[in-house]
């Protein structure tokens, strides 16, 4: 696996190292946390994009959401959920 010097610019590596020192952590912890947050954000963005496409394909609009939520809640109550 490549080390941080190969993956990050010198400027960014210096910032990561400074943040790690300030937080009494290892630079690798800072980088791993940042990458995890980035990947989580990307997954969420893809989910939102897929969901928006599906809603548009079904002709749903944002103003339909409260009504649909009420319908689902009512159906769940009727089923005893």
PDB file of N, CA and C in Angstrom:
ATOM      1  N   UNK A   1       0.847  -1.189   0.000  1.00  0.00           N
ATOM      2  CA  UNK A   1       0.000   0.000   0.000  1.00  0.00           C
ATOM      3  C   UNK A   1       0.880   1.236   0.000  1.00  0.00           C
ATOM      4  N   UNK A   2       0.453   2.244  -0.700  1.00  0.00           N
ATOM      5  CA  UNK A   2       1.233   3.483  -0.780  1.00  0.00           C
ATOM      6  C   UNK A   2       1.200   4.202   0.559  1.00  0.00           C
ATOM      7  N   UNK A   3       2.279   4.930   0.850  1.00  0.00           N
ATOM      8  CA  UNK A   3       2.267   5.703   2.089  1.00  0.00           C
ATOM      9  C   UNK A   3       1.644   7.069   1.839  1.00  0.00           C
ATOM     10  N   UNK A   4       1.432   7.835   2.909  1.00  0.00           N
ATOM     11  CA  UNK A   4       0.760   9.126   2.813  1.00  0.00           C
ATOM     12  C   UNK A   4       1.454  10.099   1.892  1.00  0.00           C
ATOM     13  N   UNK A   5       2.764  10.014   1.802  1.00  0.00           N
ATOM     14  CA  UNK A   5       3.497  10.954   0.958  1.00  0.00           C
ATOM     15  C   UNK A   5       3.177  10.747  -0.514  1.00  0.00           C
ATOM     16  N   UNK A   6       2.787   9.533  -0.880  1.00  0.00           N
ATOM     17  CA  UNK A   6       2.437   9.262  -2.271  1.00  0.00           C
ATOM     18  C   UNK A   6       0.969   9.572  -2.556  1.00  0.00           C
ATOM     19  N   UNK A   7       0.141   9.572  -1.527  1.00  0.00           N
ATOM     20  CA  UNK A   7      -1.289   9.764  -1.715  1.00  0.00           C
ATOM     21  C   UNK A   7      -1.734  11.214  -1.546  1.00  0.00           C
ATOM     22  N   UNK A   8      -0.959  11.996  -0.796  1.00  0.00           N
ATOM     23  CA  UNK A   8      -1.349  13.359  -0.486  1.00  0.00           C
ATOM     24  C   UNK A   8      -0.286  14.341  -0.953  1.00  0.00           C
ATOM     25  N   UNK A   9      -0.721  15.530  -1.310  1.00  0.00           N
ATOM     26  CA  UNK A   9       0.240  16.577  -1.636  1.00  0.00           C
ATOM     27  C   UNK A   9       0.998  16.940  -0.357  1.00  0.00           C
ATOM     28  N   UNK A  10       2.166  17.547  -0.519  1.00  0.00           N
ATOM     29  CA  UNK A  10       2.958  17.947   0.644  1.00  0.00           C
ATOM     30  C   UNK A  10       2.155  18.878   1.548  1.00  0.00           C
ATOM     31  N   UNK A  11       1.438  19.815   0.947  1.00  0.00           N
ATOM     32  CA  UNK A  11       0.651  20.772   1.716  1.00  0.00           C
ATOM     33  C   UNK A  11      -0.428  20.075   2.540  1.00  0.00           C
ATOM     34  N   UNK A  12      -1.146  19.144   1.906  1.00  0.00           N
ATOM     35  CA  UNK A  12      -2.206  18.441   2.608  1.00  0.00           C
ATOM     36  C   UNK A  12      -1.636  17.525   3.688  1.00  0.00           C
ATOM     37  N   UNK A  13      -0.533  16.871   3.394  1.00  0.00           N
ATOM     38  CA  UNK A  13       0.109  16.017   4.379  1.00  0.00           C
ATOM     39  C   UNK A  13       0.533  16.823   5.603  1.00  0.00           C
ATOM     40  N   UNK A  14       1.062  17.998   5.399  1.00  0.00           N
ATOM     41  CA  UNK A  14       1.444  18.860   6.519  1.00  0.00           C
ATOM     42  C   UNK A  14       0.222  19.231   7.363  1.00  0.00           C
ATOM     43  N   UNK A  15      -0.895  19.514   6.705  1.00  0.00           N
ATOM     44  CA  UNK A  15      -2.113  19.860   7.436  1.00  0.00           C
ATOM     45  C   UNK A  15      -2.626  18.666   8.249  1.00  0.00           C
ATOM     46  N   UNK A  16      -2.557  17.482   7.664  1.00  0.00           N
ATOM     47  CA  UNK A  16      -2.989  16.272   8.375  1.00  0.00           C
ATOM     48  C   UNK A  16      -2.091  16.030   9.581  1.00  0.00           C
ATOM     49  N   UNK A  17      -0.799  16.161   9.381  1.00  0.00           N
ATOM     50  CA  UNK A  17       0.134  15.949  10.488  1.00  0.00           C
ATOM     51  C   UNK A  17      -0.084  16.971  11.605  1.00  0.00           C
ATOM     52  N   UNK A  18      -0.350  18.216  11.251  1.00  0.00           N
ATOM     53  CA  UNK A  18      -0.607  19.249  12.254  1.00  0.00           C
ATOM     54  C   UNK A  18      -1.892  18.946  13.022  1.00  0.00           C
ATOM     55  N   UNK A  19      -2.929  18.527  12.303  1.00  0.00           N
ATOM     56  CA  UNK A  19      -4.184  18.178  12.963  1.00  0.00           C
ATOM     57  C   UNK A  19      -3.994  16.989  13.894  1.00  0.00           C
ATOM     58  N   UNK A  20      -3.225  16.015  13.453  1.00  0.00           N
ATOM     59  CA  UNK A  20      -2.962  14.826  14.279  1.00  0.00           C
ATOM     60  C   UNK A  20      -2.218  15.211  15.559  1.00  0.00           C
ATOM     61  N   UNK A  21      -1.217  16.062  15.425  1.00  0.00           N
ATOM     62  CA  UNK A  21      -0.481  16.505  16.617  1.00  0.00           C
ATOM     63  C   UNK A  21      -1.409  17.227  17.584  1.00  0.00           C
ATOM     64  N   UNK A  22      -2.250  18.112  17.057  1.00  0.00           N
ATOM     65  CA  UNK A  22      -3.156  18.893  17.899  1.00  0.00           C
ATOM     66  C   UNK A  22      -4.158  17.995  18.630  1.00  0.00           C
ATOM     67  N   UNK A  23      -4.507  16.875  18.015  1.00  0.00           N
ATOM     68  CA  UNK A  23      -5.501  15.967  18.595  1.00  0.00           C
ATOM     69  C   UNK A  23      -4.860  14.764  19.284  1.00  0.00           C
ATOM     70  N   UNK A  24      -3.517  14.748  19.330  1.00  0.00           N
ATOM     71  CA  UNK A  24      -2.778  13.628  19.938  1.00  0.00           C
ATOM     72  C   UNK A  24      -3.182  12.298  19.300  1.00  0.00           C
ATOM     73  N   UNK A  25      -3.214  12.321  17.975  1.00  0.00           N
ATOM     74  CA  UNK A  25      -3.577  11.137  17.194  1.00  0.00           C
ATOM     75  C   UNK A  25      -2.507  10.890  16.150  1.00  0.00           C
ATOM     76  N   UNK A  26      -2.596   9.740  15.521  1.00  0.00           N
ATOM     77  CA  UNK A  26      -1.707   9.422  14.411  1.00  0.00           C
ATOM     78  C   UNK A  26      -2.294  10.019  13.129  1.00  0.00           C
ATOM     79  N   UNK A  27      -1.445  10.469  12.214  1.00  0.00           N
ATOM     80  CA  UNK A  27      -1.953  10.992  10.936  1.00  0.00           C
ATOM     81  C   UNK A  27      -2.834   9.979  10.197  1.00  0.00           C
ATOM     82  N   UNK A  28      -2.490   8.705  10.291  1.00  0.00           N
ATOM     83  CA  UNK A  28      -3.285   7.687   9.601  1.00  0.00           C
ATOM     84  C   UNK A  28      -4.721   7.654  10.125  1.00  0.00           C
ATOM     85  N   UNK A  29      -4.908   7.933  11.420  1.00  0.00           N
ATOM     86  CA  UNK A  29      -6.265   7.971  11.977  1.00  0.00           C
ATOM     87  C   UNK A  29      -7.073   9.100  11.351  1.00  0.00           C
ATOM     88  N   UNK A  30      -6.431  10.253  11.183  1.00  0.00           N
ATOM     89  CA  UNK A  30      -7.105  11.412  10.585  1.00  0.00           C
ATOM     90  C   UNK A  30      -7.506  11.087   9.148  1.00  0.00           C
ATOM     91  N   UNK A  31      -6.582  10.498   8.411  1.00  0.00           N
ATOM     92  CA  UNK A  31      -6.847  10.172   7.003  1.00  0.00           C
ATOM     93  C   UNK A  31      -7.940   9.113   6.902  1.00  0.00           C
ATOM     94  N   UNK A  32      -7.859   8.072   7.723  1.00  0.00           N
ATOM     95  CA  UNK A  32      -8.884   7.020   7.675  1.00  0.00           C
ATOM     96  C   UNK A  32     -10.265   7.574   7.994  1.00  0.00           C
ATOM     97  N   UNK A  33     -10.344   8.421   9.005  1.00  0.00           N
ATOM     98  CA  UNK A  33     -11.624   9.024   9.364  1.00  0.00           C
ATOM     99  C   UNK A  33     -12.169   9.874   8.213  1.00  0.00           C
ATOM    100  N   UNK A  34     -11.302  10.637   7.594  1.00  0.00           N
ATOM    101  CA  UNK A  34     -11.726  11.491   6.478  1.00  0.00           C
ATOM    102  C   UNK A  34     -12.215  10.650   5.301  1.00  0.00           C
ATOM    103  N   UNK A  35     -11.511   9.578   4.996  1.00  0.00           N
ATOM    104  CA  UNK A  35     -11.907   8.718   3.875  1.00  0.00           C
ATOM    105  C   UNK A  35     -13.231   8.033   4.186  1.00  0.00           C
ATOM    106  N   UNK A  36     -13.394   7.543   5.416  1.00  0.00           N
ATOM    107  CA  UNK A  36     -14.671   6.917   5.791  1.00  0.00           C
ATOM    108  C   UNK A  36     -15.833   7.901   5.628  1.00  0.00           C
ATOM    109  N   UNK A  37     -15.648   9.130   6.104  1.00  0.00           N
ATOM    110  CA  UNK A  37     -16.704  10.139   5.978  1.00  0.00           C
ATOM    111  C   UNK A  37     -16.993  10.437   4.514  1.00  0.00           C
ATOM    112  N   UNK A  38     -15.946  10.530   3.714  1.00  0.00           N
ATOM    113  CA  UNK A  38     -16.122  10.791   2.281  1.00  0.00           C
ATOM    114  C   UNK A  38     -16.914   9.661   1.627  1.00  0.00           C
ATOM    115  N   UNK A  39     -16.528   8.413   1.890  1.00  0.00           N
ATOM    116  CA  UNK A  39     -17.214   7.277   1.277  1.00  0.00           C
ATOM    117  C   UNK A  39     -18.663   7.191   1.734  1.00  0.00           C
ATOM    118  N   UNK A  40     -18.917   7.468   3.007  1.00  0.00           N
ATOM    119  CA  UNK A  40     -20.291   7.480   3.519  1.00  0.00           C
ATOM    120  C   UNK A  40     -21.106   8.557   2.811  1.00  0.00           C
ATOM    121  N   UNK A  41     -20.512   9.727   2.641  1.00  0.00           N
ATOM    122  CA  UNK A  41     -21.182  10.824   1.950  1.00  0.00           C
ATOM    123  C   UNK A  41     -21.488  10.454   0.503  1.00  0.00           C
ATOM    124  N   UNK A  42     -20.559   9.808  -0.151  1.00  0.00           N
ATOM    125  CA  UNK A  42     -20.771   9.382  -1.544  1.00  0.00           C
ATOM    126  C   UNK A  42     -21.894   8.361  -1.639  1.00  0.00           C
ATOM    127  N   UNK A  43     -21.941   7.404  -0.708  1.00  0.00           N
ATOM    128  CA  UNK A  43     -23.028   6.414  -0.716  1.00  0.00           C
ATOM    129  C   UNK A  43     -24.373   7.108  -0.522  1.00  0.00           C
ATOM    130  N   UNK A  44     -24.410   8.058   0.404  1.00  0.00           N
ATOM    131  CA  UNK A  44     -25.653   8.784   0.646  1.00  0.00           C
ATOM    132  C   UNK A  44     -26.071   9.574  -0.592  1.00  0.00           C
ATOM    133  N   UNK A  45     -25.122  10.212  -1.237  1.00  0.00           N
ATOM    134  CA  UNK A  45     -25.438  10.985  -2.440  1.00  0.00           C
ATOM    135  C   UNK A  45     -25.981  10.087  -3.550  1.00  0.00           C
ATOM    136  N   UNK A  46     -25.375   8.913  -3.731  1.00  0.00           N
ATOM    137  CA  UNK A  46     -25.877   7.970  -4.750  1.00  0.00           C
ATOM    138  C   UNK A  46     -27.283   7.492  -4.401  1.00  0.00           C
ATOM    139  N   UNK A  47     -27.527   7.230  -3.104  1.00  0.00           N
ATOM    140  CA  UNK A  47     -28.859   6.812  -2.668  1.00  0.00           C
ATOM    141  C   UNK A  47     -29.888   7.893  -2.971  1.00  0.00           C
ATOM    142  N   UNK A  48     -29.568   9.128  -2.646  1.00  0.00           N
ATOM    143  CA  UNK A  48     -30.487  10.245  -2.895  1.00  0.00           C
ATOM    144  C   UNK A  48     -30.746  10.381  -4.389  1.00  0.00           C
ATOM    145  N   UNK A  49     -29.693  10.290  -5.203  1.00  0.00           N
ATOM    146  CA  UNK A  49     -29.865  10.387  -6.655  1.00  0.00           C
ATOM    147  C   UNK A  49     -30.797   9.297  -7.180  1.00  0.00           C
ATOM    148  N   UNK A  50     -30.567   8.039  -6.733  1.00  0.00           N
ATOM    149  CA  UNK A  50     -31.428   6.931  -7.182  1.00  0.00           C
ATOM    150  C   UNK A  50     -32.866   7.156  -6.748  1.00  0.00           C
ATOM    151  N   UNK A  51     -33.050   7.588  -5.509  1.00  0.00           N
ATOM    152  CA  UNK A  51     -34.382   7.801  -4.972  1.00  0.00           C
ATOM    153  C   UNK A  51     -35.100   8.917  -5.715  1.00  0.00           C
ATOM    154  N   UNK A  52     -34.387  10.003  -5.996  1.00  0.00           N
ATOM    155  CA  UNK A  52     -34.998  11.104  -6.743  1.00  0.00           C
ATOM    156  C   UNK A  52     -35.396  10.663  -8.146  1.00  0.00           C
ATOM    157  N   UNK A  53     -34.538   9.867  -8.800  1.00  0.00           N
ATOM    158  CA  UNK A  53     -34.887   9.371 -10.146  1.00  0.00           C
ATOM    159  C   UNK A  53     -36.134   8.494 -10.094  1.00  0.00           C
ATOM    160  N   UNK A  54     -36.211   7.618  -9.099  1.00  0.00           N
ATOM    161  CA  UNK A  54     -37.380   6.744  -8.966  1.00  0.00           C
ATOM    162  C   UNK A  54     -38.643   7.568  -8.715  1.00  0.00           C
ATOM    163  N   UNK A  55     -38.533   8.583  -7.871  1.00  0.00           N
ATOM    164  CA  UNK A  55     -39.698   9.426  -7.576  1.00  0.00           C
ATOM    165  C   UNK A  55     -40.162  10.158  -8.824  1.00  0.00           C
ATOM    166  N   UNK A  56     -39.209  10.711  -9.587  1.00  0.00           N
ATOM    167  CA  UNK A  56     -39.585  11.406 -10.828  1.00  0.00           C
ATOM    168  C   UNK A  56     -40.236  10.450 -11.808  1.00  0.00           C
ATOM    169  N   UNK A  57     -39.701   9.230 -11.908  1.00  0.00           N
ATOM    170  CA  UNK A  57     -40.263   8.244 -12.832  1.00  0.00           C
ATOM    171  C   UNK A  57     -41.694   7.884 -12.462  1.00  0.00           C
ATOM    172  N   UNK A  58     -42.009   7.953 -11.167  1.00  0.00           N
ATOM    173  CA  UNK A  58     -43.371   7.650 -10.703  1.00  0.00           C
ATOM    174  C   UNK A  58     -44.253   8.889 -10.678  1.00  0.00           C
ATOM    175  N   UNK A  59     -43.690  10.017 -11.052  1.00  0.00           N
ATOM    176  CA  UNK A  59     -44.464  11.250 -11.084  1.00  0.00           C
ATOM    177  C   UNK A  59     -44.681  11.877  -9.718  1.00  0.00           C
ATOM    178  N   UNK A  60     -43.866  11.492  -8.740  1.00  0.00           N
ATOM    179  CA  UNK A  60     -44.013  12.041  -7.390  1.00  0.00           C
ATOM    180  C   UNK A  60     -43.277  13.363  -7.273  1.00  0.00           C
ATOM    181  N   UNK A  61     -43.866  14.252  -6.469  1.00  0.00           N
ATOM    182  CA  UNK A  61     -43.256  15.553  -6.224  1.00  0.00           C
ATOM    183  C   UNK A  61     -43.016  15.697  -4.727  1.00  0.00           C
ATOM    184  N   UNK A  62     -42.212  16.669  -4.370  1.00  0.00           N
ATOM    185  CA  UNK A  62     -41.886  16.878  -2.958  1.00  0.00           C
ATOM    186  C   UNK A  62     -43.143  17.121  -2.125  1.00  0.00           C
ATOM    187  N   UNK A  63     -44.085  17.855  -2.681  1.00  0.00           N
ATOM    188  CA  UNK A  63     -45.303  18.154  -1.932  1.00  0.00           C
ATOM    189  C   UNK A  63     -46.173  16.912  -1.705  1.00  0.00           C
ATOM    190  N   UNK A  64     -45.895  15.804  -2.414  1.00  0.00           N
ATOM    191  CA  UNK A  64     -46.637  14.555  -2.211  1.00  0.00           C
ATOM    192  C   UNK A  64     -46.160  13.800  -0.964  1.00  0.00           C
ATOM    193  N   UNK A  65     -44.967  14.097  -0.486  1.00  0.00           N
ATOM    194  CA  UNK A  65     -44.343  13.317   0.577  1.00  0.00           C
ATOM    195  C   UNK A  65     -45.161  13.290   1.872  1.00  0.00           C
ATOM    196  N   UNK A  66     -45.621  14.414   2.415  1.00  0.00           N
ATOM    197  CA  UNK A  66     -46.401  14.337   3.662  1.00  0.00           C
ATOM    198  C   UNK A  66     -47.642  13.446   3.535  1.00  0.00           C
ATOM    199  N   UNK A  67     -48.332  13.549   2.412  1.00  0.00           N
ATOM    200  CA  UNK A  67     -49.525  12.716   2.193  1.00  0.00           C
ATOM    201  C   UNK A  67     -49.140  11.239   2.145  1.00  0.00           C
ATOM    202  N   UNK A  68     -48.065  10.913   1.448  1.00  0.00           N
ATOM    203  CA  UNK A  68     -47.633   9.518   1.342  1.00  0.00           C
ATOM    204  C   UNK A  68     -47.204   8.964   2.696  1.00  0.00           C
ATOM    205  N   UNK A  69     -46.522   9.780   3.475  1.00  0.00           N
ATOM    206  CA  UNK A  69     -46.115   9.339   4.818  1.00  0.00           C
ATOM    207  C   UNK A  69     -47.343   9.043   5.655  1.00  0.00           C
ATOM    208  N   UNK A  70     -48.334   9.913   5.595  1.00  0.00           N
ATOM    209  CA  UNK A  70     -49.576   9.694   6.346  1.00  0.00           C
ATOM    210  C   UNK A  70     -50.257   8.402   5.912  1.00  0.00           C
ATOM    211  N   UNK A  71     -50.276   8.157   4.611  1.00  0.00           N
ATOM    212  CA  UNK A  71     -50.894   6.928   4.104  1.00  0.00           C
ATOM    213  C   UNK A  71     -50.178   5.687   4.612  1.00  0.00           C
ATOM    214  N   UNK A  72     -48.857   5.703   4.581  1.00  0.00           N
ATOM    215  CA  UNK A  72     -48.078   4.547   5.043  1.00  0.00           C
ATOM    216  C   UNK A  72     -48.279   4.339   6.536  1.00  0.00           C
ATOM    217  N   UNK A  73     -48.271   5.415   7.298  1.00  0.00           N
ATOM    218  CA  UNK A  73     -48.488   5.293   8.751  1.00  0.00           C
ATOM    219  C   UNK A  73     -49.868   4.713   9.046  1.00  0.00           C
ATOM    220  N   UNK A  74     -50.876   5.195   8.335  1.00  0.00           N
ATOM    221  CA  UNK A  74     -52.228   4.688   8.532  1.00  0.00           C
ATOM    222  C   UNK A  74     -52.300   3.195   8.190  1.00  0.00           C
ATOM    223  N   UNK A  75     -51.703   2.797   7.073  1.00  0.00           N
ATOM    224  CA  UNK A  75     -51.685   1.393   6.675  1.00  0.00           C
ATOM    225  C   UNK A  75     -50.953   0.546   7.716  1.00  0.00           C
ATOM    226  N   UNK A  76     -49.841   1.050   8.236  1.00  0.00           N
ATOM    227  CA  UNK A  76     -49.095   0.306   9.256  1.00  0.00           C
ATOM    228  C   UNK A  76     -49.897   0.146  10.543  1.00  0.00           C
ATOM    229  N   UNK A  77     -50.622   1.201  10.938  1.00  0.00           N
ATOM    230  CA  UNK A  77     -51.481   1.114  12.127  1.00  0.00           C
ATOM    231  C   UNK A  77     -52.579   0.082  11.931  1.00  0.00           C
ATOM    232  N   UNK A  78     -53.151   0.051  10.734  1.00  0.00           N
ATOM    233  CA  UNK A  78     -54.215  -0.906  10.434  1.00  0.00           C
ATOM    234  C   UNK A  78     -53.683  -2.346  10.475  1.00  0.00           C
ATOM    235  N   UNK A  79     -52.445  -2.527  10.111  1.00  0.00           N
ATOM    236  CA  UNK A  79     -51.822  -3.857  10.135  1.00  0.00           C
ATOM    237  C   UNK A  79     -51.279  -4.217  11.523  1.00  0.00           C
ATOM    238  N   UNK A  80     -51.296  -3.244  12.431  1.00  0.00           N
ATOM    239  CA  UNK A  80     -50.812  -3.483  13.783  1.00  0.00           C
ATOM    240  C   UNK A  80     -49.300  -3.398  13.915  1.00  0.00           C
ATOM    241  N   UNK A  81     -48.683  -2.607  13.064  1.00  0.00           N
ATOM    242  CA  UNK A  81     -47.218  -2.452  13.121  1.00  0.00           C
ATOM    243  C   UNK A  81     -46.845  -1.279  13.959  1.00  0.00           C
TER     244      UNK A  81
END
